[in-house]
């Protein structure tokens, strides 16, 4: 990729981001959305989070994990258990990372 192509890509992505985010501010009144779109937008953040987190937990170098000796699986399980028990985000992160680090460095998985 040449310098010109790189700059053109950056400028193009900047313009698209500004248009996509600023389009809602151009109107003086609220834009009515269909009910199906409102429901879809309500679950979009959870779907995006799942799309990012699930492959990180379940895949290793693009292949499905096929062993139980994978610290990410145990850490995700510990984090989920903490969240359903206490409903706290910080405890979820701490418990998951504690299990992950203990298995990685303690047992060498």
N, C-alpha and C. Protein backbone atom coordinates (compact mmCIF):
# COMPACT_ATOMS: atom_id res chain seq x y z
N UNK A 1 0.85 -1.16 0.00
CA UNK A 1 0.00 0.00 0.00
C UNK A 1 0.91 1.24 0.00
N UNK A 2 0.61 2.13 -0.90
CA UNK A 2 1.42 3.34 -0.98
C UNK A 2 0.97 4.35 0.09
N UNK A 3 1.75 5.39 0.25
CA UNK A 3 1.43 6.43 1.22
C UNK A 3 0.10 7.10 0.87
N UNK A 4 -0.11 7.35 -0.41
CA UNK A 4 -1.36 7.98 -0.85
C UNK A 4 -2.56 7.09 -0.53
N UNK A 5 -2.45 5.81 -0.81
CA UNK A 5 -3.55 4.89 -0.52
C UNK A 5 -3.84 4.82 0.98
N UNK A 6 -2.78 4.83 1.79
CA UNK A 6 -2.96 4.81 3.24
C UNK A 6 -3.66 6.06 3.74
N UNK A 7 -3.20 7.22 3.26
CA UNK A 7 -3.85 8.47 3.65
C UNK A 7 -5.30 8.53 3.17
N UNK A 8 -5.54 8.06 1.96
CA UNK A 8 -6.90 8.03 1.43
C UNK A 8 -7.80 7.12 2.28
N UNK A 9 -7.28 5.99 2.74
CA UNK A 9 -8.05 5.09 3.59
C UNK A 9 -8.37 5.74 4.93
N UNK A 10 -7.39 6.42 5.52
CA UNK A 10 -7.61 7.09 6.82
C UNK A 10 -8.64 8.20 6.67
N UNK A 11 -8.51 9.01 5.62
CA UNK A 11 -9.47 10.10 5.41
C UNK A 11 -10.87 9.53 5.14
N UNK A 12 -10.94 8.49 4.34
CA UNK A 12 -12.23 7.87 4.05
C UNK A 12 -12.90 7.30 5.29
N UNK A 13 -12.13 6.62 6.13
CA UNK A 13 -12.70 6.07 7.37
C UNK A 13 -13.12 7.18 8.33
N UNK A 14 -12.36 8.27 8.35
CA UNK A 14 -12.72 9.40 9.21
C UNK A 14 -14.03 10.03 8.76
N UNK A 15 -14.17 10.25 7.47
CA UNK A 15 -15.41 10.83 6.93
C UNK A 15 -16.60 9.90 7.22
N UNK A 16 -16.43 8.61 7.03
CA UNK A 16 -17.53 7.67 7.28
C UNK A 16 -17.91 7.64 8.75
N UNK A 17 -16.93 7.68 9.64
CA UNK A 17 -17.21 7.67 11.08
C UNK A 17 -17.94 8.95 11.48
N UNK A 18 -17.50 10.09 10.97
CA UNK A 18 -18.17 11.35 11.29
C UNK A 18 -19.60 11.37 10.76
N UNK A 19 -19.81 10.87 9.56
CA UNK A 19 -21.17 10.82 9.01
C UNK A 19 -22.07 9.88 9.80
N UNK A 20 -21.55 8.71 10.12
CA UNK A 20 -22.37 7.72 10.84
C UNK A 20 -22.74 8.21 12.23
N UNK A 21 -21.82 8.89 12.90
CA UNK A 21 -22.09 9.34 14.27
C UNK A 21 -22.78 10.70 14.30
N UNK A 22 -22.51 11.53 13.33
CA UNK A 22 -23.08 12.88 13.34
C UNK A 22 -24.42 13.01 12.65
N UNK A 23 -24.83 11.97 11.96
CA UNK A 23 -26.10 12.02 11.23
C UNK A 23 -27.29 12.26 12.15
N UNK A 24 -27.22 11.75 13.37
CA UNK A 24 -28.33 11.90 14.30
C UNK A 24 -28.44 13.33 14.84
N UNK A 25 -27.38 14.09 14.76
CA UNK A 25 -27.39 15.46 15.28
C UNK A 25 -27.88 16.47 14.24
N UNK A 26 -28.02 16.07 12.99
CA UNK A 26 -28.42 17.00 11.95
C UNK A 26 -29.91 17.35 12.02
N UNK A 27 -30.71 16.50 12.58
CA UNK A 27 -32.15 16.73 12.65
C UNK A 27 -32.51 17.45 13.96
N UNK A 28 -33.48 18.37 13.88
CA UNK A 28 -33.94 19.08 15.07
C UNK A 28 -34.96 18.28 15.87
N UNK A 29 -35.57 17.33 15.24
CA UNK A 29 -36.58 16.53 15.94
C UNK A 29 -36.10 15.08 16.06
N UNK A 30 -36.76 14.36 16.94
CA UNK A 30 -36.41 12.96 17.14
C UNK A 30 -36.86 12.14 15.95
N UNK A 31 -36.00 11.24 15.51
CA UNK A 31 -36.31 10.40 14.36
C UNK A 31 -37.06 9.17 14.87
N UNK A 32 -38.30 8.96 14.41
CA UNK A 32 -39.04 7.78 14.88
C UNK A 32 -38.44 6.50 14.28
N UNK A 33 -38.25 5.52 15.15
CA UNK A 33 -37.70 4.24 14.71
C UNK A 33 -38.78 3.17 14.80
N UNK A 34 -38.78 2.23 13.87
CA UNK A 34 -39.74 1.12 13.98
C UNK A 34 -39.46 0.30 15.24
N UNK A 35 -40.49 -0.34 15.74
CA UNK A 35 -40.38 -1.11 16.98
C UNK A 35 -39.34 -2.22 16.85
N UNK A 36 -39.29 -2.89 15.70
CA UNK A 36 -38.33 -3.98 15.52
C UNK A 36 -36.89 -3.47 15.58
N UNK A 37 -36.66 -2.24 15.08
CA UNK A 37 -35.32 -1.68 15.12
C UNK A 37 -34.93 -1.28 16.55
N UNK A 38 -35.89 -0.74 17.30
CA UNK A 38 -35.62 -0.40 18.69
C UNK A 38 -35.26 -1.64 19.51
N UNK A 39 -36.00 -2.73 19.30
CA UNK A 39 -35.70 -3.98 20.00
C UNK A 39 -34.33 -4.51 19.60
N UNK A 40 -34.00 -4.42 18.33
CA UNK A 40 -32.70 -4.88 17.86
C UNK A 40 -31.56 -4.06 18.42
N UNK A 41 -31.74 -2.75 18.51
CA UNK A 41 -30.70 -1.89 19.06
C UNK A 41 -30.52 -2.09 20.56
N UNK A 42 -31.56 -2.56 21.22
CA UNK A 42 -31.46 -2.82 22.66
C UNK A 42 -30.52 -3.98 22.96
N UNK A 43 -30.49 -4.98 22.09
CA UNK A 43 -29.64 -6.15 22.33
C UNK A 43 -28.32 -6.10 21.55
N UNK A 44 -28.11 -5.06 20.77
CA UNK A 44 -26.90 -4.96 19.95
C UNK A 44 -25.61 -4.95 20.78
N UNK A 45 -25.54 -4.20 21.90
CA UNK A 45 -24.28 -4.23 22.66
C UNK A 45 -23.95 -5.61 23.21
N UNK A 46 -24.95 -6.34 23.67
CA UNK A 46 -24.71 -7.69 24.18
C UNK A 46 -24.26 -8.62 23.06
N UNK A 47 -24.87 -8.48 21.90
CA UNK A 47 -24.47 -9.31 20.76
C UNK A 47 -23.04 -9.00 20.32
N UNK A 48 -22.68 -7.72 20.31
CA UNK A 48 -21.32 -7.34 19.92
C UNK A 48 -20.31 -7.86 20.94
N UNK A 49 -20.63 -7.76 22.22
CA UNK A 49 -19.74 -8.27 23.25
C UNK A 49 -19.56 -9.78 23.12
N UNK A 50 -20.65 -10.48 22.89
CA UNK A 50 -20.56 -11.92 22.70
C UNK A 50 -19.74 -12.30 21.47
N UNK A 51 -19.87 -11.51 20.40
CA UNK A 51 -19.12 -11.78 19.18
C UNK A 51 -17.63 -11.56 19.37
N UNK A 52 -17.25 -10.71 20.30
CA UNK A 52 -15.83 -10.47 20.56
C UNK A 52 -15.28 -11.46 21.58
N UNK A 53 -16.04 -11.74 22.63
CA UNK A 53 -15.54 -12.55 23.74
C UNK A 53 -15.58 -14.05 23.43
N UNK A 54 -16.64 -14.54 22.82
CA UNK A 54 -16.79 -15.98 22.59
C UNK A 54 -15.63 -16.58 21.78
N UNK A 55 -15.22 -16.00 20.67
CA UNK A 55 -14.07 -16.59 19.95
C UNK A 55 -12.78 -16.56 20.77
N UNK A 56 -12.63 -15.54 21.60
CA UNK A 56 -11.41 -15.45 22.41
C UNK A 56 -11.36 -16.57 23.45
N UNK A 57 -12.51 -17.00 23.92
CA UNK A 57 -12.56 -18.07 24.92
C UNK A 57 -12.54 -19.45 24.27
N UNK A 58 -13.26 -19.62 23.18
CA UNK A 58 -13.49 -20.95 22.62
C UNK A 58 -12.52 -21.37 21.51
N UNK A 59 -11.78 -20.41 20.95
CA UNK A 59 -10.90 -20.74 19.83
C UNK A 59 -9.44 -20.55 20.22
N UNK A 60 -8.59 -21.39 19.65
CA UNK A 60 -7.15 -21.27 19.83
C UNK A 60 -6.51 -21.35 18.45
N UNK A 61 -5.93 -20.26 17.99
CA UNK A 61 -5.35 -20.15 16.65
C UNK A 61 -6.36 -20.52 15.57
N UNK A 62 -7.60 -20.08 15.74
CA UNK A 62 -8.63 -20.30 14.74
C UNK A 62 -9.30 -21.66 14.78
N UNK A 63 -8.93 -22.50 15.73
CA UNK A 63 -9.53 -23.83 15.84
C UNK A 63 -10.22 -23.96 17.18
N UNK A 64 -11.31 -24.70 17.20
CA UNK A 64 -12.07 -24.92 18.43
C UNK A 64 -11.21 -25.67 19.45
N UNK A 65 -11.26 -25.24 20.69
CA UNK A 65 -10.48 -25.88 21.76
C UNK A 65 -11.00 -27.30 21.96
N UNK A 66 -10.08 -28.27 21.99
CA UNK A 66 -10.49 -29.67 22.11
C UNK A 66 -9.94 -30.35 23.36
N UNK A 67 -9.52 -29.57 24.34
CA UNK A 67 -9.00 -30.14 25.57
C UNK A 67 -9.62 -29.43 26.77
N UNK A 68 -9.73 -30.14 27.87
CA UNK A 68 -10.27 -29.52 29.09
C UNK A 68 -9.18 -28.77 29.84
N UNK A 69 -7.91 -28.96 29.44
CA UNK A 69 -6.80 -28.27 30.11
C UNK A 69 -6.54 -26.91 29.45
N UNK A 70 -7.57 -26.13 29.31
CA UNK A 70 -7.46 -24.79 28.75
C UNK A 70 -7.87 -23.79 29.81
N UNK A 71 -6.95 -22.97 30.29
CA UNK A 71 -7.25 -22.07 31.40
C UNK A 71 -8.32 -21.03 31.08
N UNK A 72 -8.48 -20.68 29.82
CA UNK A 72 -9.51 -19.68 29.47
C UNK A 72 -10.92 -20.21 29.75
N UNK A 73 -11.13 -21.50 29.51
CA UNK A 73 -12.45 -22.09 29.78
C UNK A 73 -12.76 -22.05 31.27
N UNK A 74 -11.78 -22.42 32.09
CA UNK A 74 -11.98 -22.43 33.54
C UNK A 74 -12.14 -21.02 34.08
N UNK A 75 -11.37 -20.08 33.53
CA UNK A 75 -11.47 -18.68 33.98
C UNK A 75 -12.82 -18.09 33.61
N UNK A 76 -13.31 -18.38 32.41
CA UNK A 76 -14.63 -17.88 32.01
C UNK A 76 -15.72 -18.49 32.87
N UNK A 77 -15.57 -19.77 33.21
CA UNK A 77 -16.55 -20.43 34.08
C UNK A 77 -16.53 -19.81 35.48
N UNK A 78 -15.34 -19.55 36.02
CA UNK A 78 -15.23 -18.93 37.34
C UNK A 78 -15.81 -17.52 37.33
N UNK A 79 -15.52 -16.75 36.29
CA UNK A 79 -16.07 -15.40 36.18
C UNK A 79 -17.58 -15.41 36.07
N UNK A 80 -18.12 -16.31 35.26
CA UNK A 80 -19.58 -16.41 35.12
C UNK A 80 -20.23 -16.84 36.43
N UNK A 81 -19.60 -17.78 37.13
CA UNK A 81 -20.15 -18.22 38.42
C UNK A 81 -20.17 -17.07 39.42
N UNK A 82 -19.09 -16.30 39.47
CA UNK A 82 -19.05 -15.15 40.38
C UNK A 82 -20.15 -14.15 40.02
N UNK A 83 -20.29 -13.88 38.73
CA UNK A 83 -21.30 -12.89 38.34
C UNK A 83 -22.70 -13.34 38.71
N UNK A 84 -23.02 -14.61 38.47
CA UNK A 84 -24.37 -15.07 38.81
C UNK A 84 -24.58 -15.18 40.31
N UNK A 85 -23.48 -15.33 41.07
CA UNK A 85 -23.59 -15.41 42.52
C UNK A 85 -23.70 -14.03 43.15
N UNK A 86 -22.82 -13.10 42.76
CA UNK A 86 -22.74 -11.80 43.41
C UNK A 86 -23.19 -10.62 42.56
N UNK A 87 -23.31 -10.77 41.26
CA UNK A 87 -23.70 -9.70 40.34
C UNK A 87 -22.76 -8.51 40.34
N UNK A 88 -21.47 -8.76 40.54
CA UNK A 88 -20.50 -7.68 40.56
C UNK A 88 -19.49 -7.82 39.43
N UNK A 89 -19.25 -6.73 38.72
CA UNK A 89 -18.33 -6.76 37.58
C UNK A 89 -16.88 -6.91 38.04
N UNK A 90 -16.49 -6.14 39.05
CA UNK A 90 -15.10 -6.21 39.52
C UNK A 90 -14.75 -7.61 40.03
N UNK A 91 -15.63 -8.21 40.80
CA UNK A 91 -15.40 -9.57 41.29
C UNK A 91 -15.34 -10.58 40.17
N UNK A 92 -16.14 -10.36 39.12
CA UNK A 92 -16.11 -11.24 37.95
C UNK A 92 -14.74 -11.20 37.29
N UNK A 93 -14.22 -10.00 37.11
CA UNK A 93 -12.90 -9.85 36.48
C UNK A 93 -11.81 -10.45 37.37
N UNK A 94 -11.86 -10.14 38.65
CA UNK A 94 -10.82 -10.62 39.57
C UNK A 94 -10.85 -12.14 39.67
N UNK A 95 -12.02 -12.73 39.81
CA UNK A 95 -12.09 -14.19 39.94
C UNK A 95 -11.64 -14.88 38.66
N UNK A 96 -12.06 -14.36 37.52
CA UNK A 96 -11.63 -14.96 36.25
C UNK A 96 -10.14 -14.86 36.04
N UNK A 97 -9.57 -13.68 36.31
CA UNK A 97 -8.14 -13.50 36.13
C UNK A 97 -7.33 -14.30 37.14
N UNK A 98 -7.85 -14.45 38.36
CA UNK A 98 -7.16 -15.25 39.37
C UNK A 98 -7.06 -16.70 38.92
N UNK A 99 -8.16 -17.24 38.43
CA UNK A 99 -8.15 -18.63 37.95
C UNK A 99 -7.24 -18.76 36.73
N UNK A 100 -7.33 -17.81 35.81
CA UNK A 100 -6.51 -17.87 34.61
C UNK A 100 -5.02 -17.86 34.95
N UNK A 101 -4.61 -16.91 35.79
CA UNK A 101 -3.20 -16.81 36.14
C UNK A 101 -2.72 -17.98 36.98
N UNK A 102 -3.58 -18.48 37.87
CA UNK A 102 -3.20 -19.64 38.67
C UNK A 102 -2.98 -20.87 37.79
N UNK A 103 -3.83 -21.06 36.82
CA UNK A 103 -3.67 -22.23 35.94
C UNK A 103 -2.50 -22.05 34.98
N UNK A 104 -2.31 -20.84 34.46
CA UNK A 104 -1.22 -20.59 33.52
C UNK A 104 0.14 -20.68 34.19
N UNK A 105 0.30 -19.94 35.30
CA UNK A 105 1.61 -19.89 35.92
C UNK A 105 1.80 -20.93 37.02
N UNK A 106 0.71 -21.28 37.70
CA UNK A 106 0.81 -22.27 38.76
C UNK A 106 0.95 -23.69 38.24
N UNK A 107 0.09 -24.07 37.30
CA UNK A 107 0.12 -25.43 36.76
C UNK A 107 0.80 -25.52 35.40
N UNK A 108 1.08 -24.37 34.80
CA UNK A 108 1.77 -24.37 33.52
C UNK A 108 0.93 -24.79 32.34
N UNK A 109 -0.38 -24.61 32.43
CA UNK A 109 -1.26 -24.99 31.30
C UNK A 109 -1.07 -24.04 30.16
